C-alpha cells in the first residue's frame, strides 16, 4: 500500500512544508531586490536558494537526507551572523531556527520511511 494513500491529505500538507523556507526566503529577497536593488543582495544567497529548492525536491521524493541541504542553508546563515557588518538583523537566530526546522523534517521523514 502506498504511503500517500495511507495518510491521505496530511501528506500533501507535509510536502508543502518542505518548500516553506524556500518560499519565504524567495519572497523576502525579491522584496528586498525590488525595494532597494538586486545588486544589494549577496550572490551567494541565490546559490543557497537553489540548494534550498533542491532540498525540498529531495524530501518530496522521500529522501530524508535532503534535509542536510536545508541544514547547510541554516549553517551558512549562522556563519554569516558571525561576520559583523553593521547590519540591523543578525542572521544567527534565523540559522538556528532553520537548522532545527530541517532536522525535525528529516527526522520525521526518516521515521515515516522506516515504519513497518
C-alpha atoms as a PDB file:
ATOM      1  CA  UNK A   1       0.000   0.000   0.000  1.00  0.00           C
ATOM      2  CA  UNK A   2       1.310   3.432  -0.943  1.00  0.00           C
ATOM      3  CA  UNK A   3       2.119   5.738   1.987  1.00  0.00           C
ATOM      4  CA  UNK A   4       0.370   8.643   0.237  1.00  0.00           C
ATOM      5  CA  UNK A   5      -2.922   6.727   0.257  1.00  0.00           C
ATOM      6  CA  UNK A   6      -2.438   5.640   3.850  1.00  0.00           C
ATOM      7  CA  UNK A   7      -2.068   9.175   5.197  1.00  0.00           C
ATOM      8  CA  UNK A   8      -4.382  10.995   2.767  1.00  0.00           C
ATOM      9  CA  UNK A   9      -4.388  14.791   2.826  1.00  0.00           C
ATOM     10  CA  UNK A  10      -1.775  15.038   5.565  1.00  0.00           C
ATOM     11  CA  UNK A  11       0.943  14.082   3.063  1.00  0.00           C
ATOM     12  CA  UNK A  12       0.039  16.966   0.749  1.00  0.00           C
ATOM     13  CA  UNK A  13       0.347  19.459   3.600  1.00  0.00           C
ATOM     14  CA  UNK A  14       3.683  17.989   4.695  1.00  0.00           C
ATOM     15  CA  UNK A  15       5.056  18.249   1.165  1.00  0.00           C
ATOM     16  CA  UNK A  16       4.215  21.945   1.116  1.00  0.00           C
ATOM     17  CA  UNK A  17       6.118  22.329   4.403  1.00  0.00           C
ATOM     18  CA  UNK A  18       9.284  21.080   2.677  1.00  0.00           C
ATOM     19  CA  UNK A  19       9.241  24.211   0.490  1.00  0.00           C
ATOM     20  CA  UNK A  20       8.119  26.723   3.130  1.00  0.00           C
ATOM     21  CA  UNK A  21      11.621  28.108   3.903  1.00  0.00           C
ATOM     22  CA  UNK A  22      12.345  28.381   0.165  1.00  0.00           C
ATOM     23  CA  UNK A  23       9.106  30.258  -0.481  1.00  0.00           C
ATOM     24  CA  UNK A  24       9.562  32.643   2.457  1.00  0.00           C
ATOM     25  CA  UNK A  25      13.226  33.301   1.660  1.00  0.00           C
ATOM     26  CA  UNK A  26      12.494  33.880  -2.020  1.00  0.00           C
ATOM     27  CA  UNK A  27       9.708  36.337  -1.240  1.00  0.00           C
ATOM     28  CA  UNK A  28      11.926  38.180   1.240  1.00  0.00           C
ATOM     29  CA  UNK A  29      14.862  38.539  -1.160  1.00  0.00           C
ATOM     30  CA  UNK A  30      12.655  39.501  -4.097  1.00  0.00           C
ATOM     31  CA  UNK A  31      11.041  42.157  -1.882  1.00  0.00           C
ATOM     32  CA  UNK A  32      14.474  43.461  -0.858  1.00  0.00           C
ATOM     33  CA  UNK A  33      15.522  43.436  -4.509  1.00  0.00           C
ATOM     34  CA  UNK A  34      12.501  45.466  -5.569  1.00  0.00           C
ATOM     35  CA  UNK A  35      12.743  47.949  -2.696  1.00  0.00           C
ATOM     36  CA  UNK A  36      16.494  48.515  -2.836  1.00  0.00           C
ATOM     37  CA  UNK A  37      18.342  46.786  -5.628  1.00  0.00           C
ATOM     38  CA  UNK A  38      19.058  43.229  -6.628  1.00  0.00           C
ATOM     39  CA  UNK A  39      22.747  44.103  -6.623  1.00  0.00           C
ATOM     40  CA  UNK A  40      22.467  44.746  -2.863  1.00  0.00           C
ATOM     41  CA  UNK A  41      21.805  41.027  -2.332  1.00  0.00           C
ATOM     42  CA  UNK A  42      24.857  38.825  -1.993  1.00  0.00           C
ATOM     43  CA  UNK A  43      25.075  36.438  -4.999  1.00  0.00           C
ATOM     44  CA  UNK A  44      25.833  33.617  -2.554  1.00  0.00           C
ATOM     45  CA  UNK A  45      22.210  33.895  -1.374  1.00  0.00           C
ATOM     46  CA  UNK A  46      20.899  32.916  -4.812  1.00  0.00           C
ATOM     47  CA  UNK A  47      23.069  29.787  -4.708  1.00  0.00           C
ATOM     48  CA  UNK A  48      21.722  28.997  -1.236  1.00  0.00           C
ATOM     49  CA  UNK A  49      18.151  29.403  -2.515  1.00  0.00           C
ATOM     50  CA  UNK A  50      18.866  26.852  -5.251  1.00  0.00           C
ATOM     51  CA  UNK A  51      20.230  24.490  -2.603  1.00  0.00           C
ATOM     52  CA  UNK A  52      17.091  25.042  -0.524  1.00  0.00           C
ATOM     53  CA  UNK A  53      14.859  24.285  -3.527  1.00  0.00           C
ATOM     54  CA  UNK A  54      16.800  21.067  -4.192  1.00  0.00           C
ATOM     55  CA  UNK A  55      16.362  20.124  -0.544  1.00  0.00           C
ATOM     56  CA  UNK A  56      12.583  20.354  -0.915  1.00  0.00           C
ATOM     57  CA  UNK A  57      12.648  18.279  -4.104  1.00  0.00           C
ATOM     58  CA  UNK A  58      14.703  15.533  -2.443  1.00  0.00           C
ATOM     59  CA  UNK A  59      12.410  15.418   0.560  1.00  0.00           C
ATOM     60  CA  UNK A  60       9.332  15.159  -1.663  1.00  0.00           C
ATOM     61  CA  UNK A  61      10.962  12.058  -3.154  1.00  0.00           C
ATOM     62  CA  UNK A  62      11.152  10.647   0.412  1.00  0.00           C
ATOM     63  CA  UNK A  63      14.909  11.097   0.660  1.00  0.00           C
ATOM     64  CA  UNK A  64      15.406  12.008   4.316  1.00  0.00           C
ATOM     65  CA  UNK A  65      18.961  13.151   3.651  1.00  0.00           C
ATOM     66  CA  UNK A  66      17.564  16.039   1.598  1.00  0.00           C
ATOM     67  CA  UNK A  67      17.194  17.810   4.924  1.00  0.00           C
ATOM     68  CA  UNK A  68      21.006  18.010   5.096  1.00  0.00           C
ATOM     69  CA  UNK A  69      20.916  20.597   2.301  1.00  0.00           C
ATOM     70  CA  UNK A  70      18.439  22.639   4.340  1.00  0.00           C
ATOM     71  CA  UNK A  71      20.679  22.327   7.378  1.00  0.00           C
ATOM     72  CA  UNK A  72      23.567  23.526   5.197  1.00  0.00           C
ATOM     73  CA  UNK A  73      21.469  26.617   4.407  1.00  0.00           C
ATOM     74  CA  UNK A  74      20.952  27.204   8.138  1.00  0.00           C
ATOM     75  CA  UNK A  75      24.657  26.725   8.896  1.00  0.00           C
ATOM     76  CA  UNK A  76      25.501  29.296   6.204  1.00  0.00           C
ATOM     77  CA  UNK A  77      23.189  31.764   7.953  1.00  0.00           C
ATOM     78  CA  UNK A  78      24.817  31.036  11.298  1.00  0.00           C
ATOM     79  CA  UNK A  79      28.260  31.661   9.811  1.00  0.00           C
ATOM     80  CA  UNK A  80      27.087  34.874   8.125  1.00  0.00           C
ATOM     81  CA  UNK A  81      25.842  36.045  11.529  1.00  0.00           C
ATOM     82  CA  UNK A  82      29.379  35.834  12.903  1.00  0.00           C
ATOM     83  CA  UNK A  83      30.580  38.443  10.383  1.00  0.00           C
ATOM     84  CA  UNK A  84      29.711  41.776  11.933  1.00  0.00           C
ATOM     85  CA  UNK A  85      28.978  44.102   9.035  1.00  0.00           C
ATOM     86  CA  UNK A  86      26.741  46.592  10.799  1.00  0.00           C
ATOM     87  CA  UNK A  87      23.502  45.017   9.632  1.00  0.00           C
ATOM     88  CA  UNK A  88      20.312  45.670  11.525  1.00  0.00           C
ATOM     89  CA  UNK A  89      19.370  41.981  11.655  1.00  0.00           C
ATOM     90  CA  UNK A  90      21.761  39.271  12.834  1.00  0.00           C
ATOM     91  CA  UNK A  91      21.355  36.063  10.806  1.00  0.00           C
ATOM     92  CA  UNK A  92      22.436  33.646  13.560  1.00  0.00           C
ATOM     93  CA  UNK A  93      18.999  33.167  15.221  1.00  0.00           C
ATOM     94  CA  UNK A  94      17.395  32.563  11.819  1.00  0.00           C
ATOM     95  CA  UNK A  95      20.067  29.986  11.006  1.00  0.00           C
ATOM     96  CA  UNK A  96      19.452  28.128  14.257  1.00  0.00           C
ATOM     97  CA  UNK A  97      15.700  28.071  13.603  1.00  0.00           C
ATOM     98  CA  UNK A  98      16.226  26.828  10.034  1.00  0.00           C
ATOM     99  CA  UNK A  99      18.607  24.072  11.211  1.00  0.00           C
ATOM    100  CA  UNK A 100      16.109  22.916  13.841  1.00  0.00           C
ATOM    101  CA  UNK A 101      13.249  23.023  11.301  1.00  0.00           C
ATOM    102  CA  UNK A 102      15.075  20.886   8.758  1.00  0.00           C
ATOM    103  CA  UNK A 103      16.376  18.500  11.429  1.00  0.00           C
ATOM    104  CA  UNK A 104      12.774  17.928  12.524  1.00  0.00           C
ATOM    105  CA  UNK A 105      11.588  17.415   8.942  1.00  0.00           C
ATOM    106  CA  UNK A 106      14.439  14.995   8.242  1.00  0.00           C
ATOM    107  CA  UNK A 107      13.772  13.007  11.416  1.00  0.00           C
ATOM    108  CA  UNK A 108      10.051  12.879  10.654  1.00  0.00           C
ATOM    109  CA  UNK A 109      10.675  11.742   7.086  1.00  0.00           C
ATOM    110  CA  UNK A 110      13.183   9.107   8.237  1.00  0.00           C
ATOM    111  CA  UNK A 111      10.670   7.815  10.783  1.00  0.00           C
ATOM    112  CA  UNK A 112       7.892   7.759   8.148  1.00  0.00           C
ATOM    113  CA  UNK A 113      10.051   5.786   5.685  1.00  0.00           C
ATOM    114  CA  UNK A 114      11.206   3.215   8.252  1.00  0.00           C
ATOM    115  CA  UNK A 115       7.814   2.279   9.687  1.00  0.00           C
ATOM    116  CA  UNK A 116       6.981  -1.356   9.139  1.00  0.00           C
END
